[in-house]
C-alpha atoms as a PDB file:
ATOM      1  CA  MET A   1     -27.833  15.277  44.448  1.00  0.00           C
ATOM      2  CA  ALA A   2     -29.897  13.468  41.831  1.00  0.00           C
ATOM      3  CA  ARG A   3     -28.255  15.521  39.085  1.00  0.00           C
ATOM      4  CA  ALA A   4     -24.788  14.596  40.394  1.00  0.00           C
ATOM      5  CA  VAL A   5     -25.697  10.900  40.437  1.00  0.00           C
ATOM      6  CA  LYS A   6     -27.071  11.142  36.920  1.00  0.00           C
ATOM      7  CA  THR A   7     -23.921  12.903  35.704  1.00  0.00           C
ATOM      8  CA  SER A   8     -21.715  10.314  37.407  1.00  0.00           C
ATOM      9  CA  THR A   9     -23.694   7.488  35.813  1.00  0.00           C
ATOM     10  CA  ARG A  10     -23.416   9.093  32.370  1.00  0.00           C
ATOM     11  CA  VAL A  11     -19.658   9.503  32.775  1.00  0.00           C
ATOM     12  CA  SER A  12     -19.313   5.866  33.883  1.00  0.00           C
ATOM     13  CA  TYR A  13     -21.251   4.657  30.844  1.00  0.00           C
ATOM     14  CA  THR A  14     -19.124   6.834  28.566  1.00  0.00           C
ATOM     15  CA  ILE A  15     -15.884   5.478  30.019  1.00  0.00           C
ATOM     16  CA  ALA A  16     -17.163   1.902  29.771  1.00  0.00           C
ATOM     17  CA  ALA A  17     -18.175   2.475  26.147  1.00  0.00           C
ATOM     18  CA  TRP A  18     -14.724   3.843  25.283  1.00  0.00           C
ATOM     19  CA  VAL A  19     -13.013   0.905  26.997  1.00  0.00           C
ATOM     20  CA  VAL A  20     -15.126  -1.608  25.043  1.00  0.00           C
ATOM     21  CA  ALA A  21     -14.547   0.290  21.799  1.00  0.00           C
ATOM     22  CA  LEU A  22     -10.777   0.341  22.340  1.00  0.00           C
ATOM     23  CA  LEU A  23     -10.740  -3.383  23.148  1.00  0.00           C
ATOM     24  CA  ILE A  24     -12.609  -4.113  19.917  1.00  0.00           C
ATOM     25  CA  PHE A  25     -10.455  -1.781  17.824  1.00  0.00           C
ATOM     26  CA  PHE A  26      -7.093  -2.821  19.297  1.00  0.00           C
ATOM     27  CA  PRO A  27      -6.603  -5.959  17.108  1.00  0.00           C
ATOM     28  CA  ILE A  28      -7.178  -3.832  14.008  1.00  0.00           C
ATOM     29  CA  LEU A  29      -4.792  -1.168  15.293  1.00  0.00           C
ATOM     30  CA  TYR A  30      -2.111  -3.739  16.086  1.00  0.00           C
ATOM     31  CA  THR A  31      -2.507  -5.294  12.630  1.00  0.00           C
ATOM     32  CA  ILE A  32      -1.952  -1.871  11.055  1.00  0.00           C
ATOM     33  CA  ILE A  33       1.110  -1.276  13.264  1.00  0.00           C
ATOM     34  CA  THR A  34       2.553  -4.697  12.402  1.00  0.00           C
ATOM     35  CA  SER A  35       2.054  -4.070   8.687  1.00  0.00           C
ATOM     36  CA  LEU A  36       4.268  -0.980   9.003  1.00  0.00           C
ATOM     37  CA  LYS A  37       7.188  -3.011  10.380  1.00  0.00           C
ATOM     38  CA  THR A  38       9.862  -5.067   8.686  1.00  0.00           C
ATOM     39  CA  GLU A  39       9.554  -8.852   8.958  1.00  0.00           C
ATOM     40  CA  GLY A  40      12.322  -8.964  11.543  1.00  0.00           C
ATOM     41  CA  GLU A  41      10.639  -6.321  13.703  1.00  0.00           C
ATOM     42  CA  ALA A  42       7.278  -8.098  13.429  1.00  0.00           C
ATOM     43  CA  ILE A  43       8.593 -11.376  14.869  1.00  0.00           C
ATOM     44  CA  ALA A  44      10.786  -9.703  17.493  1.00  0.00           C
ATOM     45  CA  GLY A  45       7.933  -9.367  19.969  1.00  0.00           C
ATOM     46  CA  PHE A  46       5.121  -7.118  21.128  1.00  0.00           C
ATOM     47  CA  ASN A  47       5.863  -3.527  20.201  1.00  0.00           C
ATOM     48  CA  LEU A  48       3.406  -0.696  19.528  1.00  0.00           C
ATOM     49  CA  ILE A  49       5.977   1.550  17.859  1.00  0.00           C
ATOM     50  CA  PRO A  50       6.118   0.925  14.082  1.00  0.00           C
ATOM     51  CA  SER A  51       9.082   1.792  11.895  1.00  0.00           C
ATOM     52  CA  PHE A  52       6.667   3.040   9.218  1.00  0.00           C
ATOM     53  CA  SER A  53       8.223   0.741   6.654  1.00  0.00           C
ATOM     54  CA  LEU A  54       6.199   0.094   3.475  1.00  0.00           C
ATOM     55  CA  GLU A  55       8.339  -2.887   2.577  1.00  0.00           C
ATOM     56  CA  SER A  56       5.607  -5.408   3.396  1.00  0.00           C
ATOM     57  CA  TYR A  57       3.041  -3.619   1.211  1.00  0.00           C
ATOM     58  CA  ARG A  58       5.463  -3.580  -1.736  1.00  0.00           C
ATOM     59  CA  GLU A  59       6.247  -7.280  -1.290  1.00  0.00           C
ATOM     60  CA  VAL A  60       2.546  -8.148  -1.050  1.00  0.00           C
ATOM     61  CA  GLN A  61       1.771  -6.249  -4.241  1.00  0.00           C
ATOM     62  CA  ASN A  62       4.736  -7.819  -6.039  1.00  0.00           C
ATOM     63  CA  GLN A  63       3.813 -11.331  -4.904  1.00  0.00           C
ATOM     64  CA  GLN A  64       0.069 -11.154  -5.590  1.00  0.00           C
ATOM     65  CA  ASN A  65      -2.072  -8.979  -7.835  1.00  0.00           C
ATOM     66  CA  TYR A  66      -4.374  -7.037  -5.486  1.00  0.00           C
ATOM     67  CA  ILE A  67      -6.758  -5.711  -8.131  1.00  0.00           C
ATOM     68  CA  LYS A  68      -8.216  -9.061  -9.217  1.00  0.00           C
ATOM     69  CA  PRO A  69      -9.202 -10.342  -5.720  1.00  0.00           C
ATOM     70  CA  PHE A  70     -10.476  -6.863  -4.863  1.00  0.00           C
ATOM     71  CA  THR A  71     -12.697  -6.899  -7.962  1.00  0.00           C
ATOM     72  CA  ASN A  72     -13.896 -10.399  -7.102  1.00  0.00           C
ATOM     73  CA  SER A  73     -14.780  -9.285  -3.549  1.00  0.00           C
ATOM     74  CA  VAL A  74     -16.822  -6.357  -4.894  1.00  0.00           C
ATOM     75  CA  VAL A  75     -18.626  -8.534  -7.449  1.00  0.00           C
ATOM     76  CA  LEU A  76     -19.404 -11.315  -4.962  1.00  0.00           C
ATOM     77  CA  ALA A  77     -20.453  -9.028  -2.101  1.00  0.00           C
ATOM     78  CA  VAL A  78     -22.609  -6.652  -4.147  1.00  0.00           C
ATOM     79  CA  GLY A  79     -23.959  -9.321  -6.497  1.00  0.00           C
ATOM     80  CA  SER A  80     -24.994 -11.734  -3.732  1.00  0.00           C
ATOM     81  CA  THR A  81     -26.599  -8.925  -1.725  1.00  0.00           C
ATOM     82  CA  VAL A  82     -28.610  -7.505  -4.637  1.00  0.00           C
ATOM     83  CA  LEU A  83     -29.740 -11.005  -5.647  1.00  0.00           C
ATOM     84  CA  GLY A  84     -30.679 -11.710  -2.032  1.00  0.00           C
ATOM     85  CA  LEU A  85     -32.758  -8.518  -1.844  1.00  0.00           C
ATOM     86  CA  LEU A  86     -34.593  -9.393  -5.068  1.00  0.00           C
ATOM     87  CA  ILE A  87     -35.652 -12.669  -3.463  1.00  0.00           C
ATOM     88  CA  GLY A  88     -35.880 -11.513   0.154  1.00  0.00           C
ATOM     89  CA  ILE A  89     -38.159  -8.479  -0.338  1.00  0.00           C
ATOM     90  CA  PRO A  90     -41.088 -10.460  -1.846  1.00  0.00           C
ATOM     91  CA  ALA A  91     -40.535 -13.280   0.674  1.00  0.00           C
ATOM     92  CA  ALA A  92     -40.560 -10.884   3.635  1.00  0.00           C
ATOM     93  CA  TRP A  93     -43.610  -9.075   2.208  1.00  0.00           C
ATOM     94  CA  ALA A  94     -45.543 -12.350   1.993  1.00  0.00           C
ATOM     95  CA  MET A  95     -44.653 -13.329   5.556  1.00  0.00           C
ATOM     96  CA  ALA A  96     -45.338  -9.878   7.012  1.00  0.00           C
ATOM     97  CA  PHE A  97     -48.639  -9.068   5.287  1.00  0.00           C
ATOM     98  CA  SER A  98     -50.038 -12.498   4.358  1.00  0.00           C
ATOM     99  CA  PRO A  99     -48.955 -14.686   7.285  1.00  0.00           C
ATOM    100  CA  THR A 100     -50.124 -18.251   7.770  1.00  0.00           C
ATOM    101  CA  LYS A 101     -50.061 -20.562  10.768  1.00  0.00           C
ATOM    102  CA  ARG A 102     -46.652 -21.834   9.627  1.00  0.00           C
ATOM    103  CA  THR A 103     -45.005 -18.452   8.994  1.00  0.00           C
ATOM    104  CA  LYS A 104     -43.154 -18.355  12.313  1.00  0.00           C
ATOM    105  CA  ASP A 105     -42.087 -21.974  11.859  1.00  0.00           C
ATOM    106  CA  VAL A 106     -40.662 -21.146   8.419  1.00  0.00           C
ATOM    107  CA  LEU A 107     -38.805 -18.152   9.824  1.00  0.00           C
ATOM    108  CA  MET A 108     -37.333 -20.242  12.631  1.00  0.00           C
ATOM    109  CA  TRP A 109     -36.345 -22.957  10.175  1.00  0.00           C
ATOM    110  CA  MET A 110     -34.580 -20.395   7.987  1.00  0.00           C
ATOM    111  CA  LEU A 111     -32.747 -19.007  11.006  1.00  0.00           C
ATOM    112  CA  SER A 112     -31.794 -22.500  12.168  1.00  0.00           C
ATOM    113  CA  THR A 113     -29.848 -23.065   8.944  1.00  0.00           C
ATOM    114  CA  LYS A 114     -27.401 -20.375  10.121  1.00  0.00           C
ATOM    115  CA  MET A 115     -26.671 -22.475  13.205  1.00  0.00           C
ATOM    116  CA  MET A 116     -25.549 -25.481  11.165  1.00  0.00           C
ATOM    117  CA  PRO A 117     -21.754 -25.936  10.992  1.00  0.00           C
ATOM    118  CA  ALA A 118     -20.529 -25.076   7.503  1.00  0.00           C
ATOM    119  CA  ALA A 119     -18.138 -28.024   7.544  1.00  0.00           C
ATOM    120  CA  ALA A 120     -21.132 -30.383   7.779  1.00  0.00           C
ATOM    121  CA  VAL A 121     -22.249 -29.525   4.225  1.00  0.00           C
ATOM    122  CA  LEU A 122     -18.833 -28.867   2.683  1.00  0.00           C
ATOM    123  CA  VAL A 123     -18.645 -32.176   0.812  1.00  0.00           C
ATOM    124  CA  PRO A 124     -22.186 -31.987  -0.718  1.00  0.00           C
ATOM    125  CA  ILE A 125     -21.656 -28.359  -1.792  1.00  0.00           C
ATOM    126  CA  TYR A 126     -18.244 -29.237  -3.220  1.00  0.00           C
ATOM    127  CA  LEU A 127     -19.708 -32.123  -5.252  1.00  0.00           C
ATOM    128  CA  ILE A 128     -22.593 -29.947  -6.503  1.00  0.00           C
ATOM    129  CA  PHE A 129     -20.129 -27.306  -7.672  1.00  0.00           C
ATOM    130  CA  LEU A 130     -18.077 -29.968  -9.469  1.00  0.00           C
ATOM    131  CA  ARG A 131     -21.123 -31.496 -11.198  1.00  0.00           C
ATOM    132  CA  LEU A 132     -22.438 -28.105 -12.317  1.00  0.00           C
ATOM    133  CA  GLY A 133     -19.017 -26.933 -13.476  1.00  0.00           C
ATOM    134  CA  ILE A 134     -19.115 -23.772 -11.375  1.00  0.00           C
ATOM    135  CA  MET A 135     -16.081 -24.436  -9.201  1.00  0.00           C
ATOM    136  CA  ASP A 136     -13.977 -21.272  -8.852  1.00  0.00           C
ATOM    137  CA  SER A 137     -16.571 -19.169 -10.689  1.00  0.00           C
ATOM    138  CA  ARG A 138     -18.120 -15.837  -9.768  1.00  0.00           C
ATOM    139  CA  ILE A 139     -21.615 -17.106 -10.602  1.00  0.00           C
ATOM    140  CA  GLY A 140     -21.343 -20.091  -8.282  1.00  0.00           C
ATOM    141  CA  MET A 141     -19.903 -18.100  -5.395  1.00  0.00           C
ATOM    142  CA  THR A 142     -22.453 -15.289  -5.841  1.00  0.00           C
ATOM    143  CA  VAL A 143     -25.352 -17.736  -5.607  1.00  0.00           C
ATOM    144  CA  LEU A 144     -23.788 -19.556  -2.652  1.00  0.00           C
ATOM    145  CA  LEU A 145     -23.145 -16.371  -0.676  1.00  0.00           C
ATOM    146  CA  MET A 146     -26.687 -15.210  -1.438  1.00  0.00           C
ATOM    147  CA  LEU A 147     -28.131 -18.467  -0.067  1.00  0.00           C
ATOM    148  CA  ILE A 148     -25.918 -18.288   3.032  1.00  0.00           C
ATOM    149  CA  ASN A 149     -27.107 -14.780   3.925  1.00  0.00           C
ATOM    150  CA  LEU A 150     -30.701 -15.059   2.663  1.00  0.00           C
ATOM    151  CA  PRO A 151     -32.120 -16.033   6.103  1.00  0.00           C
ATOM    152  CA  ILE A 152     -30.674 -12.843   7.598  1.00  0.00           C
ATOM    153  CA  ILE A 153     -32.051 -10.755   4.730  1.00  0.00           C
ATOM    154  CA  VAL A 154     -35.554 -12.206   5.112  1.00  0.00           C
ATOM    155  CA  TRP A 155     -35.530 -11.896   8.910  1.00  0.00           C
ATOM    156  CA  MET A 156     -34.389  -8.266   8.886  1.00  0.00           C
ATOM    157  CA  LEU A 157     -36.815  -7.215   6.155  1.00  0.00           C
ATOM    158  CA  TYR A 158     -39.663  -9.100   7.835  1.00  0.00           C
ATOM    159  CA  THR A 159     -38.984  -7.152  11.042  1.00  0.00           C
ATOM    160  CA  TYR A 160     -38.999  -3.811   9.197  1.00  0.00           C
ATOM    161  CA  PHE A 161     -42.100  -4.614   7.123  1.00  0.00           C
ATOM    162  CA  ARG A 162     -44.041  -5.575  10.258  1.00  0.00           C
ATOM    163  CA  GLU A 163     -43.717  -1.963  11.442  1.00  0.00           C
ATOM    164  CA  ILE A 164     -45.436  -0.587   8.319  1.00  0.00           C
ATOM    165  CA  PRO A 165     -49.229  -0.207   8.716  1.00  0.00           C
ATOM    166  CA  GLY A 166     -51.102  -2.657   6.502  1.00  0.00           C
ATOM    167  CA  GLU A 167     -53.761  -0.024   5.841  1.00  0.00           C
ATOM    168  CA  ILE A 168     -51.334   1.782   3.523  1.00  0.00           C
ATOM    169  CA  LEU A 169     -51.054  -1.274   1.301  1.00  0.00           C
ATOM    170  CA  GLU A 170     -54.836  -1.741   1.371  1.00  0.00           C
ATOM    171  CA  ALA A 171     -55.243   1.866   0.218  1.00  0.00           C
ATOM    172  CA  ALA A 172     -52.801   1.182  -2.625  1.00  0.00           C
ATOM    173  CA  ARG A 173     -54.850  -1.854  -3.696  1.00  0.00           C
ATOM    174  CA  MET A 174     -58.035   0.243  -3.684  1.00  0.00           C
ATOM    175  CA  ASP A 175     -56.251   2.731  -5.970  1.00  0.00           C
ATOM    176  CA  GLY A 176     -55.563  -0.062  -8.430  1.00  0.00           C
ATOM    177  CA  ALA A 177     -52.024  -1.119  -7.508  1.00  0.00           C
ATOM    178  CA  ASN A 178     -51.199  -4.689  -8.517  1.00  0.00           C
ATOM    179  CA  LEU A 179     -48.978  -7.058  -6.538  1.00  0.00           C
ATOM    180  CA  TRP A 180     -45.629  -5.834  -7.869  1.00  0.00           C
ATOM    181  CA  GLY A 181     -46.727  -2.208  -7.786  1.00  0.00           C
ATOM    182  CA  GLU A 182     -47.647  -2.643  -4.134  1.00  0.00           C
ATOM    183  CA  ILE A 183     -44.233  -4.111  -3.313  1.00  0.00           C
ATOM    184  CA  TRP A 184     -41.924  -1.952  -5.401  1.00  0.00           C
ATOM    185  CA  HIS A 185     -43.766   1.398  -5.498  1.00  0.00           C
ATOM    186  CA  VAL A 186     -45.401   1.506  -2.058  1.00  0.00           C
ATOM    187  CA  LEU A 187     -43.695  -0.870   0.369  1.00  0.00           C
ATOM    188  CA  THR A 188     -40.072  -0.568  -0.766  1.00  0.00           C
ATOM    189  CA  PRO A 189     -39.837   3.268  -0.617  1.00  0.00           C
ATOM    190  CA  MET A 190     -41.329   3.257   2.899  1.00  0.00           C
ATOM    191  CA  ALA A 191     -38.760   0.702   4.107  1.00  0.00           C
ATOM    192  CA  VAL A 192     -35.676   2.360   2.578  1.00  0.00           C
ATOM    193  CA  PRO A 193     -33.846   2.673   5.962  1.00  0.00           C
ATOM    194  CA  GLY A 194     -34.393  -1.000   6.722  1.00  0.00           C
ATOM    195  CA  ILE A 195     -33.467  -2.114   3.213  1.00  0.00           C
ATOM    196  CA  ALA A 196     -30.340   0.063   3.267  1.00  0.00           C
ATOM    197  CA  SER A 197     -29.145  -1.391   6.581  1.00  0.00           C
ATOM    198  CA  THR A 198     -29.881  -4.917   5.337  1.00  0.00           C
ATOM    199  CA  LEU A 199     -27.901  -4.215   2.168  1.00  0.00           C
ATOM    200  CA  LEU A 200     -24.925  -2.790   4.073  1.00  0.00           C
ATOM    201  CA  LEU A 201     -24.866  -5.579   6.659  1.00  0.00           C
ATOM    202  CA  ASN A 202     -24.997  -8.311   4.032  1.00  0.00           C
ATOM    203  CA  ILE A 203     -22.272  -6.687   1.938  1.00  0.00           C
ATOM    204  CA  ILE A 204     -20.090  -6.784   5.053  1.00  0.00           C
ATOM    205  CA  LEU A 205     -20.975 -10.445   5.743  1.00  0.00           C
ATOM    206  CA  ALA A 206     -20.304 -11.475   2.144  1.00  0.00           C
ATOM    207  CA  TRP A 207     -17.054  -9.483   2.047  1.00  0.00           C
ATOM    208  CA  ASN A 208     -15.784 -11.184   5.210  1.00  0.00           C
ATOM    209  CA  GLU A 209     -16.831 -14.729   4.266  1.00  0.00           C
ATOM    210  CA  SER A 210     -13.720 -16.907   4.280  1.00  0.00           C
ATOM    211  CA  PHE A 211     -14.709 -20.535   4.866  1.00  0.00           C
ATOM    212  CA  TRP A 212     -16.381 -21.062   1.499  1.00  0.00           C
ATOM    213  CA  THR A 213     -14.287 -18.679  -0.579  1.00  0.00           C
ATOM    214  CA  ILE A 214     -11.013 -20.314   0.469  1.00  0.00           C
ATOM    215  CA  ARG A 215     -12.292 -23.827  -0.226  1.00  0.00           C
ATOM    216  CA  LEU A 216     -14.258 -23.265  -3.439  1.00  0.00           C
ATOM    217  CA  THR A 217     -12.027 -20.769  -5.246  1.00  0.00           C
ATOM    218  CA  THR A 218      -8.442 -20.776  -6.443  1.00  0.00           C
ATOM    219  CA  THR A 219      -7.710 -18.021  -8.967  1.00  0.00           C
ATOM    220  CA  ASN A 220     -10.666 -16.931 -11.132  1.00  0.00           C
ATOM    221  CA  ALA A 221     -13.141 -16.053  -8.346  1.00  0.00           C
ATOM    222  CA  ALA A 222     -10.790 -15.808  -5.367  1.00  0.00           C
ATOM    223  CA  PRO A 223     -11.701 -12.721  -3.276  1.00  0.00           C
ATOM    224  CA  LEU A 224      -9.604 -10.841  -0.722  1.00  0.00           C
ATOM    225  CA  THR A 225     -10.165 -13.476   1.982  1.00  0.00           C
ATOM    226  CA  ALA A 226      -8.340 -15.983  -0.228  1.00  0.00           C
ATOM    227  CA  PHE A 227      -5.778 -13.256  -0.958  1.00  0.00           C
ATOM    228  CA  ILE A 228      -4.968 -13.087   2.780  1.00  0.00           C
ATOM    229  CA  ALA A 229      -4.808 -16.878   3.115  1.00  0.00           C
ATOM    230  CA  SER A 230      -2.253 -17.070   0.312  1.00  0.00           C
ATOM    231  CA  PHE A 231       0.354 -15.512   2.626  1.00  0.00           C
ATOM    232  CA  SER A 232       0.236 -18.493   4.960  1.00  0.00           C
ATOM    233  CA  SER A 233       2.843 -20.877   3.572  1.00  0.00           C
ATOM    234  CA  PRO A 234       4.481 -24.175   4.637  1.00  0.00           C
ATOM    235  CA  GLN A 235       7.600 -22.133   5.451  1.00  0.00           C
ATOM    236  CA  GLY A 236       5.657 -20.362   8.195  1.00  0.00           C
ATOM    237  CA  LEU A 237       3.701 -17.189   8.807  1.00  0.00           C
ATOM    238  CA  PHE A 238       5.267 -13.942   7.676  1.00  0.00           C
ATOM    239  CA  TRP A 239       3.551 -11.611  10.109  1.00  0.00           C
ATOM    240  CA  ALA A 240       4.394  -8.285   8.478  1.00  0.00           C
ATOM    241  CA  LYS A 241       3.269  -9.371   4.998  1.00  0.00           C
ATOM    242  CA  LEU A 242       0.220 -11.155   6.431  1.00  0.00           C
ATOM    243  CA  SER A 243      -0.730  -7.992   8.325  1.00  0.00           C
ATOM    244  CA  ALA A 244      -0.212  -5.847   5.232  1.00  0.00           C
ATOM    245  CA  ALA A 245      -2.436  -8.176   3.186  1.00  0.00           C
ATOM    246  CA  SER A 246      -5.077  -8.061   5.938  1.00  0.00           C
ATOM    247  CA  VAL A 247      -5.042  -4.258   6.037  1.00  0.00           C
ATOM    248  CA  MET A 248      -5.392  -4.105   2.239  1.00  0.00           C
ATOM    249  CA  ALA A 249      -8.353  -6.503   2.469  1.00  0.00           C
ATOM    250  CA  ILE A 250     -10.254  -4.831   5.310  1.00  0.00           C
ATOM    251  CA  ALA A 251      -9.539  -1.196   4.388  1.00  0.00           C
ATOM    252  CA  PRO A 252     -12.316  -0.879   1.737  1.00  0.00           C
ATOM    253  CA  ILE A 253     -15.026  -2.345   3.973  1.00  0.00           C
ATOM    254  CA  LEU A 254     -13.856  -0.280   6.973  1.00  0.00           C
ATOM    255  CA  ILE A 255     -14.040   2.900   4.914  1.00  0.00           C
ATOM    256  CA  MET A 256     -17.485   1.968   3.604  1.00  0.00           C
ATOM    257  CA  GLY A 257     -18.696   1.190   7.131  1.00  0.00           C
ATOM    258  CA  TRP A 258     -17.318   4.477   8.462  1.00  0.00           C
ATOM    259  CA  PHE A 259     -19.101   6.612   5.864  1.00  0.00           C
ATOM    260  CA  SER A 260     -22.361   4.647   6.058  1.00  0.00           C
ATOM    261  CA  GLN A 261     -22.548   4.254   9.844  1.00  0.00           C
ATOM    262  CA  LYS A 262     -25.429   6.728  10.182  1.00  0.00           C
ATOM    263  CA  GLN A 263     -27.513   4.867   7.604  1.00  0.00           C
ATOM    264  CA  LEU A 264     -26.637   1.538   9.200  1.00  0.00           C
ATOM    265  CA  VAL A 265     -27.607   2.640  12.701  1.00  0.00           C
ATOM    266  CA  ARG A 266     -30.764   4.310  11.403  1.00  0.00           C
ATOM    267  CA  GLY A 267     -31.799   1.134   9.633  1.00  0.00           C
ATOM    268  CA  LEU A 268     -31.002  -1.137  12.579  1.00  0.00           C
ATOM    269  CA  THR A 269     -33.165   1.034  14.855  1.00  0.00           C
ATOM    270  CA  PHE A 270     -35.948   1.423  12.274  1.00  0.00           C
ATOM    271  CA  GLY A 271     -39.263   0.732  13.950  1.00  0.00           C
ATOM    272  CA  ALA A 272     -37.767   0.553  17.447  1.00  0.00           C
ATOM    273  CA  VAL A 273     -39.624   3.732  18.490  1.00  0.00           C
ATOM    274  CA  LYS A 274     -43.120   4.481  17.312  1.00  0.00           C
END
């Protein structure tokens, strides 16, 4: 009887998980289906049967150069994440292994900056970019995206570092390791799963950032989020072309997430079980 109840519960959880997964994936699936329709079919109404037309993809490629925004997305996402890790690893090390009375307050303050509406600081950031001459530049956007995601980087790394026994670092100091040797040669290799998941998550966040990239870039540093927005015109929304542009923008990050899902899950559960 108990085995039957357990089996029934497992089946119920499995069905519920599939239902939730399908609900989450359906918008992506419908976007792909719409991108494979002609413009007339796309505005005709809800229909899950595509005509498998590549007309929208050809028009998108002819209207906008895909390679340049794709390159900008890669540079901004990878560059901001690597720069964030270079700053976040020492910061998380200091908070995890040399905490003070104000460490938790600093962490909460950093996290609270993510709760602030981006529109509230749009004008100051815009003026700073103008004064520094970094409007529509890869350098400016890389630094901005790094600062936006730095609280998440520090919080995640702090959580992972807290699970590493401090005695290992003390043993490294007794063997003559200096500060940077302790961080880069002892701590970092032990936290590879956590660092990898932090890197992957922040690449995804930087890749998907649209508020700042649309408002602070035009041509030189415009990533794929701005590429999608360019297909919204005063004449209206062209659903098939907009869907095709969206698929072209999300495809690289979806593929990366699919192949790195094991590393991402492993990192996110790092330290959960001792």
